[in-house]
Amino acid sequence: MRAFVIPNRTNCRVAFSLCAFLFCTGCAELQTQLDTKRQVFSDALKTALAAPHAQPAYWHGEDYRGSPKIVVHLDEQRAYFYKGKHLVGASNISTGKKDYETPPGKYRVIQKDADHISSEYGDYIDEDGLVLEKNISTRKDPKPHGAIFDGAKMPFFLRFTGGYGMHAGFVPRFRASHGCIRMPREMAKHFFDAARDGTPVIVKE
């Protein structure tokens, strides 16, 4: 019959210390993960609170006649379409994020392209279409060896100056573009159809 051995005090202390060390190490790692998640949540909450409140889009462009004009309010993240003195449409938008701000000013539509594809912004993909790097700028992000540039689709594009324009795209409740003015697809089509070359585009702070 095997004898039962009672551990001495020294062995117990060593075992207890080792358990305590492992427990504290695990707690520290867990605390770091919790702190990181809290920071991410806090940043997301601040962004959401700072973002403009979503408002309904509308379009009554068929009910009025008059010269078209587009007015964009960056602080509201909202775009308005006028015919003469009549406000006939309004939409939430997403304009340029930090370091890519949409420039305020008075412009005019200089190009209309319903199926526009960006020559600067998009993804780097491989020959099978797998995305290697997403949401890149060809001016700033070097192309990996063997990669192919896949330009971002910008339907119903209204160019008003340089590389800036209005087009259909993802519209979160904060500024997220590389400088263009993104709109929900339905509203982008309304603005596109009602605008013509030379239509004033006024971008306000």
N, C-alpha and C. Protein backbone atom coordinates (compact mmCIF):
# COMPACT_ATOMS: atom_id res chain seq x y z
N MET A 1 0.86 -1.19 0.00
CA MET A 1 0.00 0.00 0.00
C MET A 1 0.89 1.24 0.00
N ARG A 2 0.51 2.22 -0.89
CA ARG A 2 1.35 3.41 -1.03
C ARG A 2 1.15 4.35 0.14
N ALA A 3 2.24 4.84 0.69
CA ALA A 3 2.16 5.73 1.85
C ALA A 3 1.71 7.12 1.42
N PHE A 4 0.88 7.77 2.24
CA PHE A 4 0.43 9.15 1.99
C PHE A 4 1.46 10.11 2.55
N VAL A 5 1.98 11.00 1.71
CA VAL A 5 3.04 11.93 2.13
C VAL A 5 2.45 13.31 2.35
N ILE A 6 2.64 13.82 3.53
CA ILE A 6 2.16 15.17 3.85
C ILE A 6 3.22 16.17 3.44
N PRO A 7 2.92 17.13 2.56
CA PRO A 7 3.93 18.10 2.12
C PRO A 7 4.39 18.97 3.26
N ASN A 8 5.66 19.30 3.25
CA ASN A 8 6.16 20.17 4.32
C ASN A 8 5.78 21.63 4.04
N ARG A 9 6.04 22.48 5.01
CA ARG A 9 5.62 23.88 4.91
C ARG A 9 6.33 24.62 3.78
N THR A 10 7.58 24.28 3.55
CA THR A 10 8.35 24.95 2.49
C THR A 10 7.74 24.69 1.13
N ASN A 11 7.43 23.42 0.87
CA ASN A 11 6.81 23.06 -0.41
C ASN A 11 5.45 23.75 -0.59
N CYS A 12 4.71 23.84 0.51
CA CYS A 12 3.39 24.50 0.44
C CYS A 12 3.54 25.98 0.10
N ARG A 13 4.54 26.61 0.73
CA ARG A 13 4.75 28.04 0.46
C ARG A 13 5.14 28.25 -1.00
N VAL A 14 6.01 27.40 -1.53
CA VAL A 14 6.44 27.52 -2.93
C VAL A 14 5.26 27.33 -3.87
N ALA A 15 4.46 26.31 -3.61
CA ALA A 15 3.30 26.04 -4.46
C ALA A 15 2.30 27.18 -4.40
N PHE A 16 2.08 27.71 -3.18
CA PHE A 16 1.15 28.82 -3.03
C PHE A 16 1.64 30.06 -3.76
N SER A 17 2.92 30.35 -3.65
CA SER A 17 3.50 31.52 -4.32
C SER A 17 3.40 31.41 -5.83
N LEU A 18 3.65 30.18 -6.32
CA LEU A 18 3.55 29.97 -7.77
C LEU A 18 2.12 30.18 -8.25
N CYS A 19 1.16 29.65 -7.53
CA CYS A 19 -0.25 29.84 -7.90
C CYS A 19 -0.64 31.32 -7.86
N ALA A 20 -0.17 32.00 -6.83
CA ALA A 20 -0.49 33.43 -6.70
C ALA A 20 0.10 34.22 -7.85
N PHE A 21 1.35 33.87 -8.23
CA PHE A 21 2.00 34.57 -9.34
C PHE A 21 1.24 34.37 -10.64
N LEU A 22 0.87 33.10 -10.93
CA LEU A 22 0.13 32.81 -12.15
C LEU A 22 -1.23 33.50 -12.15
N PHE A 23 -1.87 33.52 -10.98
CA PHE A 23 -3.19 34.17 -10.88
C PHE A 23 -3.08 35.66 -11.14
N CYS A 24 -2.07 36.30 -10.52
CA CYS A 24 -1.88 37.75 -10.68
C CYS A 24 -1.51 38.10 -12.11
N THR A 25 -0.67 37.24 -12.72
CA THR A 25 -0.29 37.48 -14.12
C THR A 25 -1.50 37.42 -15.03
N GLY A 26 -2.34 36.41 -14.80
CA GLY A 26 -3.58 36.29 -15.59
C GLY A 26 -4.49 37.47 -15.37
N CYS A 27 -4.59 37.93 -14.12
CA CYS A 27 -5.42 39.09 -13.81
C CYS A 27 -4.92 40.34 -14.51
N ALA A 28 -3.59 40.50 -14.52
CA ALA A 28 -3.00 41.67 -15.16
C ALA A 28 -3.31 41.69 -16.65
N GLU A 29 -3.18 40.52 -17.30
CA GLU A 29 -3.47 40.44 -18.73
C GLU A 29 -4.94 40.72 -18.99
N LEU A 30 -5.80 40.15 -18.13
CA LEU A 30 -7.24 40.38 -18.27
C LEU A 30 -7.57 41.84 -18.09
N GLN A 31 -6.92 42.49 -17.09
CA GLN A 31 -7.18 43.90 -16.84
C GLN A 31 -6.75 44.75 -18.03
N THR A 32 -5.61 44.40 -18.63
CA THR A 32 -5.14 45.13 -19.82
C THR A 32 -6.15 45.02 -20.95
N GLN A 33 -6.67 43.80 -21.17
CA GLN A 33 -7.68 43.60 -22.22
C GLN A 33 -8.94 44.40 -21.94
N LEU A 34 -9.37 44.41 -20.66
CA LEU A 34 -10.57 45.16 -20.29
C LEU A 34 -10.35 46.66 -20.49
N ASP A 35 -9.15 47.15 -20.10
CA ASP A 35 -8.85 48.58 -20.27
C ASP A 35 -8.87 48.96 -21.75
N THR A 36 -8.31 48.09 -22.61
CA THR A 36 -8.30 48.34 -24.05
C THR A 36 -9.72 48.41 -24.60
N LYS A 37 -10.55 47.45 -24.18
CA LYS A 37 -11.94 47.43 -24.65
C LYS A 37 -12.71 48.65 -24.17
N ARG A 38 -12.44 49.07 -22.92
CA ARG A 38 -13.10 50.27 -22.40
C ARG A 38 -12.71 51.50 -23.21
N GLN A 39 -11.42 51.59 -23.60
CA GLN A 39 -10.95 52.74 -24.37
C GLN A 39 -11.58 52.75 -25.75
N VAL A 40 -11.66 51.59 -26.39
CA VAL A 40 -12.29 51.49 -27.71
C VAL A 40 -13.75 51.90 -27.63
N PHE A 41 -14.44 51.40 -26.59
CA PHE A 41 -15.85 51.75 -26.42
C PHE A 41 -16.01 53.24 -26.16
N SER A 42 -15.12 53.80 -25.32
CA SER A 42 -15.17 55.22 -25.01
C SER A 42 -14.97 56.08 -26.25
N ASP A 43 -14.00 55.70 -27.09
CA ASP A 43 -13.73 56.45 -28.32
C ASP A 43 -14.93 56.37 -29.26
N ALA A 44 -15.53 55.19 -29.37
CA ALA A 44 -16.70 55.02 -30.24
C ALA A 44 -17.87 55.83 -29.73
N LEU A 45 -18.04 55.85 -28.39
CA LEU A 45 -19.14 56.62 -27.80
C LEU A 45 -18.96 58.11 -28.04
N LYS A 46 -17.72 58.60 -27.88
CA LYS A 46 -17.45 60.03 -28.12
C LYS A 46 -17.74 60.39 -29.58
N THR A 47 -17.35 59.50 -30.49
CA THR A 47 -17.60 59.75 -31.91
C THR A 47 -19.09 59.82 -32.19
N ALA A 48 -19.84 58.88 -31.61
CA ALA A 48 -21.28 58.84 -31.84
C ALA A 48 -21.96 60.08 -31.26
N LEU A 49 -21.53 60.50 -30.06
CA LEU A 49 -22.14 61.66 -29.43
C LEU A 49 -21.82 62.94 -30.17
N ALA A 50 -20.63 63.01 -30.77
CA ALA A 50 -20.22 64.21 -31.49
C ALA A 50 -20.82 64.28 -32.88
N ALA A 51 -21.31 63.15 -33.40
CA ALA A 51 -21.83 63.11 -34.76
C ALA A 51 -23.19 63.79 -34.85
N PRO A 52 -23.50 64.36 -36.00
CA PRO A 52 -24.82 64.96 -36.19
C PRO A 52 -25.91 63.91 -36.08
N HIS A 53 -27.04 64.31 -35.55
CA HIS A 53 -28.16 63.38 -35.46
C HIS A 53 -28.73 63.16 -36.86
N ALA A 54 -28.99 61.90 -37.16
CA ALA A 54 -29.53 61.57 -38.47
C ALA A 54 -30.90 62.23 -38.66
N GLN A 55 -31.12 62.78 -39.84
CA GLN A 55 -32.40 63.39 -40.18
C GLN A 55 -32.93 62.72 -41.45
N PRO A 56 -34.23 62.72 -41.62
CA PRO A 56 -34.78 62.08 -42.83
C PRO A 56 -34.35 62.82 -44.09
N ALA A 57 -34.06 62.06 -45.12
CA ALA A 57 -33.81 62.65 -46.44
C ALA A 57 -35.15 62.84 -47.14
N TYR A 58 -35.21 63.80 -48.06
CA TYR A 58 -36.44 63.97 -48.83
C TYR A 58 -36.12 64.58 -50.19
N TRP A 59 -37.02 64.37 -51.12
CA TRP A 59 -36.85 64.91 -52.46
C TRP A 59 -38.21 65.27 -53.06
N HIS A 60 -38.36 66.54 -53.45
CA HIS A 60 -39.57 67.02 -54.11
C HIS A 60 -39.20 67.80 -55.37
N GLY A 61 -38.13 67.35 -56.01
CA GLY A 61 -37.61 68.09 -57.15
C GLY A 61 -38.54 68.16 -58.33
N GLU A 62 -39.46 67.21 -58.45
CA GLU A 62 -40.39 67.21 -59.59
C GLU A 62 -41.49 68.26 -59.43
N ASP A 63 -41.63 68.81 -58.24
CA ASP A 63 -42.73 69.74 -57.97
C ASP A 63 -42.39 71.19 -58.29
N TYR A 64 -41.13 71.49 -58.59
CA TYR A 64 -40.73 72.88 -58.79
C TYR A 64 -39.82 73.02 -60.00
N ARG A 65 -39.76 74.23 -60.53
CA ARG A 65 -38.84 74.58 -61.60
C ARG A 65 -37.93 75.69 -61.12
N GLY A 66 -36.81 75.86 -61.80
CA GLY A 66 -35.88 76.91 -61.43
C GLY A 66 -34.45 76.44 -61.58
N SER A 67 -33.54 77.39 -61.52
CA SER A 67 -32.11 77.08 -61.68
C SER A 67 -31.62 76.25 -60.50
N PRO A 68 -30.89 75.16 -60.77
CA PRO A 68 -30.42 74.29 -59.68
C PRO A 68 -29.25 74.90 -58.91
N LYS A 69 -29.18 74.56 -57.63
CA LYS A 69 -28.06 74.98 -56.78
C LYS A 69 -27.93 73.97 -55.65
N ILE A 70 -26.68 73.61 -55.33
CA ILE A 70 -26.40 72.68 -54.24
C ILE A 70 -25.67 73.42 -53.13
N VAL A 71 -26.13 73.26 -51.91
CA VAL A 71 -25.49 73.87 -50.74
C VAL A 71 -25.14 72.76 -49.75
N VAL A 72 -23.87 72.71 -49.34
CA VAL A 72 -23.39 71.69 -48.42
C VAL A 72 -22.97 72.36 -47.12
N HIS A 73 -23.47 71.87 -46.00
CA HIS A 73 -23.08 72.38 -44.68
C HIS A 73 -22.22 71.33 -43.99
N LEU A 74 -20.93 71.61 -43.85
CA LEU A 74 -20.02 70.65 -43.25
C LEU A 74 -20.34 70.42 -41.78
N ASP A 75 -20.71 71.47 -41.05
CA ASP A 75 -20.99 71.30 -39.63
C ASP A 75 -22.23 70.44 -39.39
N GLU A 76 -23.20 70.52 -40.29
CA GLU A 76 -24.43 69.73 -40.17
C GLU A 76 -24.28 68.35 -40.80
N GLN A 77 -23.26 68.18 -41.66
CA GLN A 77 -23.13 66.97 -42.48
C GLN A 77 -24.44 66.73 -43.22
N ARG A 78 -24.82 67.76 -43.97
CA ARG A 78 -26.10 67.77 -44.67
C ARG A 78 -25.94 68.51 -45.99
N ALA A 79 -26.58 68.03 -47.04
CA ALA A 79 -26.55 68.69 -48.35
C ALA A 79 -27.97 69.05 -48.75
N TYR A 80 -28.11 70.21 -49.41
CA TYR A 80 -29.43 70.72 -49.81
C TYR A 80 -29.43 71.03 -51.30
N PHE A 81 -30.54 70.74 -51.94
CA PHE A 81 -30.69 71.03 -53.36
C PHE A 81 -31.83 72.03 -53.55
N TYR A 82 -31.53 73.11 -54.28
CA TYR A 82 -32.51 74.16 -54.54
C TYR A 82 -32.84 74.22 -56.02
N LYS A 83 -34.07 74.57 -56.31
CA LYS A 83 -34.47 74.97 -57.65
C LYS A 83 -35.03 76.37 -57.53
N GLY A 84 -34.28 77.34 -58.07
CA GLY A 84 -34.64 78.73 -57.82
C GLY A 84 -34.52 79.00 -56.33
N LYS A 85 -35.57 79.52 -55.72
CA LYS A 85 -35.57 79.79 -54.28
C LYS A 85 -36.19 78.66 -53.48
N HIS A 86 -36.58 77.59 -54.16
CA HIS A 86 -37.28 76.50 -53.49
C HIS A 86 -36.30 75.40 -53.07
N LEU A 87 -36.34 75.03 -51.80
CA LEU A 87 -35.58 73.89 -51.31
C LEU A 87 -36.36 72.63 -51.67
N VAL A 88 -35.77 71.81 -52.53
CA VAL A 88 -36.52 70.65 -53.03
C VAL A 88 -35.96 69.31 -52.55
N GLY A 89 -34.78 69.32 -51.92
CA GLY A 89 -34.21 68.06 -51.45
C GLY A 89 -33.15 68.28 -50.39
N ALA A 90 -33.01 67.29 -49.52
CA ALA A 90 -31.99 67.36 -48.47
C ALA A 90 -31.56 65.95 -48.12
N SER A 91 -30.28 65.82 -47.73
CA SER A 91 -29.74 64.49 -47.45
C SER A 91 -28.61 64.56 -46.44
N ASN A 92 -28.50 63.53 -45.61
CA ASN A 92 -27.30 63.37 -44.78
C ASN A 92 -26.13 63.02 -45.68
N ILE A 93 -24.94 63.43 -45.28
CA ILE A 93 -23.74 63.20 -46.07
C ILE A 93 -22.60 62.79 -45.14
N SER A 94 -21.49 62.36 -45.72
CA SER A 94 -20.26 62.13 -44.97
C SER A 94 -19.13 62.75 -45.79
N THR A 95 -18.46 63.74 -45.21
CA THR A 95 -17.43 64.48 -45.93
C THR A 95 -16.04 64.05 -45.46
N GLY A 96 -15.00 64.79 -45.84
CA GLY A 96 -13.63 64.40 -45.59
C GLY A 96 -13.26 64.33 -44.12
N LYS A 97 -12.58 63.23 -43.76
CA LYS A 97 -12.11 63.04 -42.38
C LYS A 97 -10.85 63.88 -42.15
N LYS A 98 -10.28 63.78 -40.97
CA LYS A 98 -9.08 64.55 -40.61
C LYS A 98 -7.96 64.26 -41.60
N ASP A 99 -7.30 65.32 -42.01
CA ASP A 99 -6.21 65.30 -43.00
C ASP A 99 -6.71 65.13 -44.43
N TYR A 100 -8.02 64.94 -44.60
CA TYR A 100 -8.61 64.85 -45.94
C TYR A 100 -9.86 65.73 -46.02
N GLU A 101 -9.86 66.83 -45.29
CA GLU A 101 -11.06 67.65 -45.17
C GLU A 101 -11.58 68.16 -46.52
N THR A 102 -12.88 68.17 -46.66
CA THR A 102 -13.52 68.73 -47.84
C THR A 102 -13.36 70.25 -47.80
N PRO A 103 -12.83 70.87 -48.84
CA PRO A 103 -12.54 72.31 -48.78
C PRO A 103 -13.79 73.17 -48.95
N PRO A 104 -14.03 74.08 -48.00
CA PRO A 104 -15.15 75.03 -48.18
C PRO A 104 -14.87 75.95 -49.37
N GLY A 105 -15.93 76.47 -49.96
CA GLY A 105 -15.75 77.39 -51.08
C GLY A 105 -16.96 77.39 -51.99
N LYS A 106 -16.85 78.21 -53.04
CA LYS A 106 -17.91 78.31 -54.04
C LYS A 106 -17.40 77.69 -55.34
N TYR A 107 -18.12 76.67 -55.81
CA TYR A 107 -17.68 75.93 -56.98
C TYR A 107 -18.84 75.76 -57.96
N ARG A 108 -18.58 75.03 -59.03
CA ARG A 108 -19.62 74.66 -59.99
C ARG A 108 -19.36 73.22 -60.46
N VAL A 109 -20.42 72.53 -60.81
CA VAL A 109 -20.28 71.18 -61.35
C VAL A 109 -19.49 71.26 -62.65
N ILE A 110 -18.38 70.51 -62.73
CA ILE A 110 -17.56 70.54 -63.93
C ILE A 110 -17.52 69.17 -64.63
N GLN A 111 -18.12 68.17 -64.00
CA GLN A 111 -18.18 66.85 -64.64
C GLN A 111 -19.31 66.03 -64.03
N LYS A 112 -20.03 65.31 -64.88
CA LYS A 112 -21.03 64.34 -64.44
C LYS A 112 -20.63 62.97 -64.99
N ASP A 113 -20.55 61.98 -64.09
CA ASP A 113 -20.17 60.63 -64.52
C ASP A 113 -20.95 59.64 -63.66
N ALA A 114 -21.96 59.01 -64.25
CA ALA A 114 -22.83 58.09 -63.51
C ALA A 114 -22.10 56.84 -63.04
N ASP A 115 -21.03 56.45 -63.73
CA ASP A 115 -20.32 55.21 -63.41
C ASP A 115 -18.84 55.48 -63.10
N HIS A 116 -18.59 56.53 -62.35
CA HIS A 116 -17.21 56.95 -62.08
C HIS A 116 -16.47 55.95 -61.21
N ILE A 117 -15.18 55.74 -61.53
CA ILE A 117 -14.30 54.90 -60.73
C ILE A 117 -13.06 55.72 -60.40
N SER A 118 -12.70 55.76 -59.13
CA SER A 118 -11.57 56.58 -58.69
C SER A 118 -10.25 56.09 -59.26
N SER A 119 -9.40 57.02 -59.64
CA SER A 119 -8.06 56.67 -60.11
C SER A 119 -7.04 56.80 -58.98
N GLU A 120 -7.49 57.20 -57.79
CA GLU A 120 -6.57 57.41 -56.67
C GLU A 120 -6.91 56.58 -55.44
N TYR A 121 -8.19 56.40 -55.15
CA TYR A 121 -8.60 55.69 -53.93
C TYR A 121 -9.24 54.35 -54.27
N GLY A 122 -8.98 53.36 -53.41
CA GLY A 122 -9.54 52.03 -53.64
C GLY A 122 -8.81 50.99 -52.82
N ASP A 123 -8.58 49.81 -53.40
CA ASP A 123 -7.90 48.71 -52.71
C ASP A 123 -6.77 48.18 -53.58
N TYR A 124 -5.79 47.56 -52.92
CA TYR A 124 -4.81 46.75 -53.63
C TYR A 124 -5.26 45.30 -53.54
N ILE A 125 -5.38 44.62 -54.68
CA ILE A 125 -5.83 43.24 -54.71
C ILE A 125 -4.81 42.38 -55.44
N ASP A 126 -4.94 41.06 -55.26
CA ASP A 126 -4.07 40.17 -56.02
C ASP A 126 -4.79 39.73 -57.30
N GLU A 127 -4.16 38.87 -58.09
CA GLU A 127 -4.73 38.49 -59.38
C GLU A 127 -6.02 37.68 -59.25
N ASP A 128 -6.27 37.15 -58.04
CA ASP A 128 -7.52 36.40 -57.82
C ASP A 128 -8.62 37.27 -57.23
N GLY A 129 -8.32 38.55 -57.04
CA GLY A 129 -9.32 39.46 -56.50
C GLY A 129 -9.31 39.57 -54.99
N LEU A 130 -8.38 38.90 -54.32
CA LEU A 130 -8.29 38.96 -52.86
C LEU A 130 -7.71 40.31 -52.44
N VAL A 131 -8.37 40.97 -51.50
CA VAL A 131 -7.91 42.29 -51.05
C VAL A 131 -6.65 42.15 -50.21
N LEU A 132 -5.60 42.82 -50.62
CA LEU A 132 -4.34 42.83 -49.89
C LEU A 132 -4.26 44.01 -48.94
N GLU A 133 -4.66 45.18 -49.42
CA GLU A 133 -4.72 46.38 -48.60
C GLU A 133 -5.97 47.15 -48.97
N LYS A 134 -6.74 47.52 -47.97
CA LYS A 134 -8.04 48.15 -48.21
C LYS A 134 -7.99 49.66 -47.97
N ASN A 135 -8.81 50.38 -48.73
CA ASN A 135 -9.01 51.82 -48.53
C ASN A 135 -7.69 52.58 -48.58
N ILE A 136 -6.98 52.44 -49.69
CA ILE A 136 -5.66 53.06 -49.83
C ILE A 136 -5.72 54.27 -50.76
N SER A 137 -4.64 55.04 -50.72
CA SER A 137 -4.43 56.14 -51.65
C SER A 137 -3.18 55.83 -52.46
N THR A 138 -3.30 55.88 -53.77
CA THR A 138 -2.14 55.57 -54.61
C THR A 138 -1.03 56.61 -54.44
N ARG A 139 -1.37 57.78 -53.92
CA ARG A 139 -0.36 58.81 -53.71
C ARG A 139 0.46 58.57 -52.44
N LYS A 140 -0.13 57.88 -51.47
CA LYS A 140 0.52 57.73 -50.18
C LYS A 140 0.92 56.29 -49.86
N ASP A 141 0.21 55.32 -50.41
CA ASP A 141 0.44 53.93 -50.04
C ASP A 141 1.14 53.17 -51.18
N PRO A 142 2.38 52.74 -50.95
CA PRO A 142 3.11 52.02 -52.01
C PRO A 142 2.42 50.70 -52.34
N LYS A 143 2.45 50.34 -53.61
CA LYS A 143 1.78 49.12 -54.07
C LYS A 143 2.66 47.91 -53.79
N PRO A 144 2.11 46.88 -53.11
CA PRO A 144 2.89 45.65 -52.87
C PRO A 144 3.25 44.98 -54.19
N HIS A 145 4.32 44.20 -54.17
CA HIS A 145 4.79 43.51 -55.37
C HIS A 145 3.69 42.59 -55.91
N GLY A 146 3.38 42.73 -57.18
CA GLY A 146 2.39 41.88 -57.82
C GLY A 146 0.95 42.30 -57.60
N ALA A 147 0.73 43.37 -56.82
CA ALA A 147 -0.64 43.81 -56.52
C ALA A 147 -1.25 44.57 -57.69
N ILE A 148 -2.57 44.63 -57.70
CA ILE A 148 -3.33 45.36 -58.71
C ILE A 148 -4.17 46.41 -58.01
N PHE A 149 -4.20 47.61 -58.56
CA PHE A 149 -5.04 48.66 -57.98
C PHE A 149 -6.48 48.49 -58.45
N ASP A 150 -7.41 48.47 -57.50
CA ASP A 150 -8.84 48.35 -57.80
C ASP A 150 -9.52 49.63 -57.33
N GLY A 151 -9.82 50.54 -58.27
CA GLY A 151 -10.38 51.84 -57.92
C GLY A 151 -11.76 51.75 -57.29
N ALA A 152 -12.01 52.64 -56.32
CA ALA A 152 -13.31 52.68 -55.65
C ALA A 152 -14.40 53.15 -56.61
N LYS A 153 -15.54 52.50 -56.57
CA LYS A 153 -16.68 52.89 -57.39
C LYS A 153 -17.38 54.09 -56.74
N MET A 154 -17.67 55.10 -57.56
CA MET A 154 -18.29 56.33 -57.09
C MET A 154 -19.48 56.68 -57.98
N PRO A 155 -20.58 55.94 -57.85
CA PRO A 155 -21.72 56.16 -58.75
C PRO A 155 -22.30 57.58 -58.61
N PHE A 156 -22.85 58.09 -59.73
CA PHE A 156 -23.52 59.40 -59.77
C PHE A 156 -22.58 60.51 -59.29
N PHE A 157 -21.40 60.52 -59.87
CA PHE A 157 -20.35 61.45 -59.47
C PHE A 157 -20.57 62.82 -60.07
N LEU A 158 -20.58 63.83 -59.21
CA LEU A 158 -20.65 65.24 -59.61
C LEU A 158 -19.35 65.91 -59.17
N ARG A 159 -18.41 66.09 -60.09
CA ARG A 159 -17.15 66.74 -59.74
C ARG A 159 -17.37 68.25 -59.69
N PHE A 160 -16.85 68.89 -58.61
CA PHE A 160 -17.00 70.34 -58.53
C PHE A 160 -15.67 71.07 -58.45
N THR A 161 -14.57 70.38 -58.16
CA THR A 161 -13.24 70.99 -58.22
C THR A 161 -12.18 69.90 -58.07
N GLY A 162 -11.10 69.99 -58.84
CA GLY A 162 -9.99 69.06 -58.69
C GLY A 162 -10.43 67.62 -58.53
N GLY A 163 -9.98 66.98 -57.43
CA GLY A 163 -10.35 65.60 -57.17
C GLY A 163 -11.56 65.46 -56.27
N TYR A 164 -12.33 66.52 -56.09
CA TYR A 164 -13.47 66.50 -55.17
C TYR A 164 -14.79 66.44 -55.94
N GLY A 165 -15.71 65.67 -55.37
CA GLY A 165 -17.02 65.57 -55.98
C GLY A 165 -18.03 64.99 -55.00
N MET A 166 -19.27 64.90 -55.45
CA MET A 166 -20.34 64.27 -54.68
C MET A 166 -20.67 62.95 -55.37
N HIS A 167 -20.94 61.91 -54.58
CA HIS A 167 -21.26 60.62 -55.19
C HIS A 167 -21.93 59.70 -54.17
N ALA A 168 -22.50 58.61 -54.65
CA ALA A 168 -23.11 57.62 -53.77
C ALA A 168 -22.01 56.86 -53.03
N GLY A 169 -22.26 56.55 -51.76
CA GLY A 169 -21.27 55.82 -50.98
C GLY A 169 -21.77 55.59 -49.56
N PHE A 170 -20.91 54.98 -48.76
CA PHE A 170 -21.23 54.68 -47.37
C PHE A 170 -21.31 55.98 -46.58
N VAL A 171 -22.40 56.16 -45.81
CA VAL A 171 -22.63 57.41 -45.07
C VAL A 171 -22.81 57.12 -43.58
N PRO A 172 -21.70 57.03 -42.84
CA PRO A 172 -21.82 56.91 -41.38
C PRO A 172 -22.18 58.26 -40.78
N ARG A 173 -22.42 58.30 -39.48
CA ARG A 173 -22.79 59.57 -38.84
C ARG A 173 -21.55 60.34 -38.40
N PHE A 174 -20.54 60.35 -39.23
CA PHE A 174 -19.34 61.15 -38.97
C PHE A 174 -18.57 61.30 -40.28
N ARG A 175 -17.59 62.17 -40.30
CA ARG A 175 -16.80 62.44 -41.51
C ARG A 175 -15.86 61.26 -41.75
N ALA A 176 -15.96 60.65 -42.92
CA ALA A 176 -15.21 59.41 -43.14
C ALA A 176 -14.55 59.31 -44.51
N SER A 177 -14.77 60.28 -45.40
CA SER A 177 -14.27 60.15 -46.77
C SER A 177 -12.85 60.70 -46.89
N HIS A 178 -12.31 60.59 -48.12
CA HIS A 178 -11.00 61.17 -48.42
C HIS A 178 -11.14 62.58 -48.98
N GLY A 179 -12.28 63.20 -48.78
CA GLY A 179 -12.50 64.57 -49.24
C GLY A 179 -13.77 64.74 -50.05
N CYS A 180 -14.22 63.67 -50.69
CA CYS A 180 -15.47 63.76 -51.45
C CYS A 180 -16.67 63.82 -50.50
N ILE A 181 -17.81 64.12 -51.07
CA ILE A 181 -19.05 64.20 -50.31
C ILE A 181 -19.88 62.96 -50.63
N ARG A 182 -19.95 62.05 -49.69
CA ARG A 182 -20.72 60.82 -49.89
C ARG A 182 -22.19 61.04 -49.55
N MET A 183 -23.05 60.38 -50.31
CA MET A 183 -24.49 60.48 -50.10
C MET A 183 -25.11 59.09 -50.24
N PRO A 184 -26.27 58.86 -49.62
CA PRO A 184 -26.99 57.62 -49.88
C PRO A 184 -27.29 57.51 -51.38
N ARG A 185 -27.29 56.30 -51.91
CA ARG A 185 -27.41 56.10 -53.35
C ARG A 185 -28.65 56.79 -53.94
N GLU A 186 -29.79 56.62 -53.30
CA GLU A 186 -31.02 57.19 -53.85
C GLU A 186 -30.93 58.71 -53.96
N MET A 187 -30.37 59.35 -52.90
CA MET A 187 -30.27 60.81 -52.92
C MET A 187 -29.19 61.27 -53.90
N ALA A 188 -28.11 60.51 -54.01
CA ALA A 188 -27.06 60.86 -54.97
C ALA A 188 -27.62 60.87 -56.39
N LYS A 189 -28.50 59.92 -56.68
CA LYS A 189 -29.11 59.86 -58.02
C LYS A 189 -30.03 61.06 -58.26
N HIS A 190 -30.79 61.44 -57.24
CA HIS A 190 -31.66 62.62 -57.38
C HIS A 190 -30.82 63.87 -57.68
N PHE A 191 -29.77 64.08 -56.90
CA PHE A 191 -28.90 65.25 -57.10
C PHE A 191 -28.25 65.20 -58.48
N PHE A 192 -27.80 64.01 -58.86
CA PHE A 192 -27.13 63.84 -60.15
C PHE A 192 -28.07 64.15 -61.30
N ASP A 193 -29.28 63.62 -61.26
CA ASP A 193 -30.24 63.82 -62.34
C ASP A 193 -30.68 65.27 -62.46
N ALA A 194 -30.79 65.96 -61.32
CA ALA A 194 -31.31 67.34 -61.33
C ALA A 194 -30.22 68.38 -61.60
N ALA A 195 -28.98 68.04 -61.36
CA ALA A 195 -27.88 68.98 -61.60
C ALA A 195 -27.46 68.93 -63.07
N ARG A 196 -26.78 69.97 -63.50
CA ARG A 196 -26.23 70.01 -64.85
C ARG A 196 -24.86 70.68 -64.78
N ASP A 197 -24.11 70.59 -65.84
CA ASP A 197 -22.81 71.25 -65.87
C ASP A 197 -22.99 72.74 -65.56
N GLY A 198 -22.17 73.25 -64.64
CA GLY A 198 -22.26 74.65 -64.27
C GLY A 198 -23.12 74.91 -63.05
N THR A 199 -23.81 73.89 -62.54
CA THR A 199 -24.63 74.07 -61.33
C THR A 199 -23.76 74.54 -60.17
N PRO A 200 -24.13 75.65 -59.49
CA PRO A 200 -23.33 76.11 -58.34
C PRO A 200 -23.32 75.07 -57.22
N VAL A 201 -22.15 74.90 -56.62
CA VAL A 201 -21.99 74.05 -55.44
C VAL A 201 -21.31 74.88 -54.37
N ILE A 202 -22.01 75.18 -53.31
CA ILE A 202 -21.49 76.02 -52.25
C ILE A 202 -21.24 75.14 -51.02
N VAL A 203 -19.98 75.06 -50.61
CA VAL A 203 -19.60 74.25 -49.46
C VAL A 203 -19.29 75.19 -48.30
N LYS A 204 -20.12 75.11 -47.23
CA LYS A 204 -19.98 76.00 -46.09
C LYS A 204 -19.39 75.24 -44.91
N GLU A 205 -18.68 75.98 -44.03
CA GLU A 205 -18.09 75.38 -42.82
C GLU A 205 -19.20 74.82 -41.94
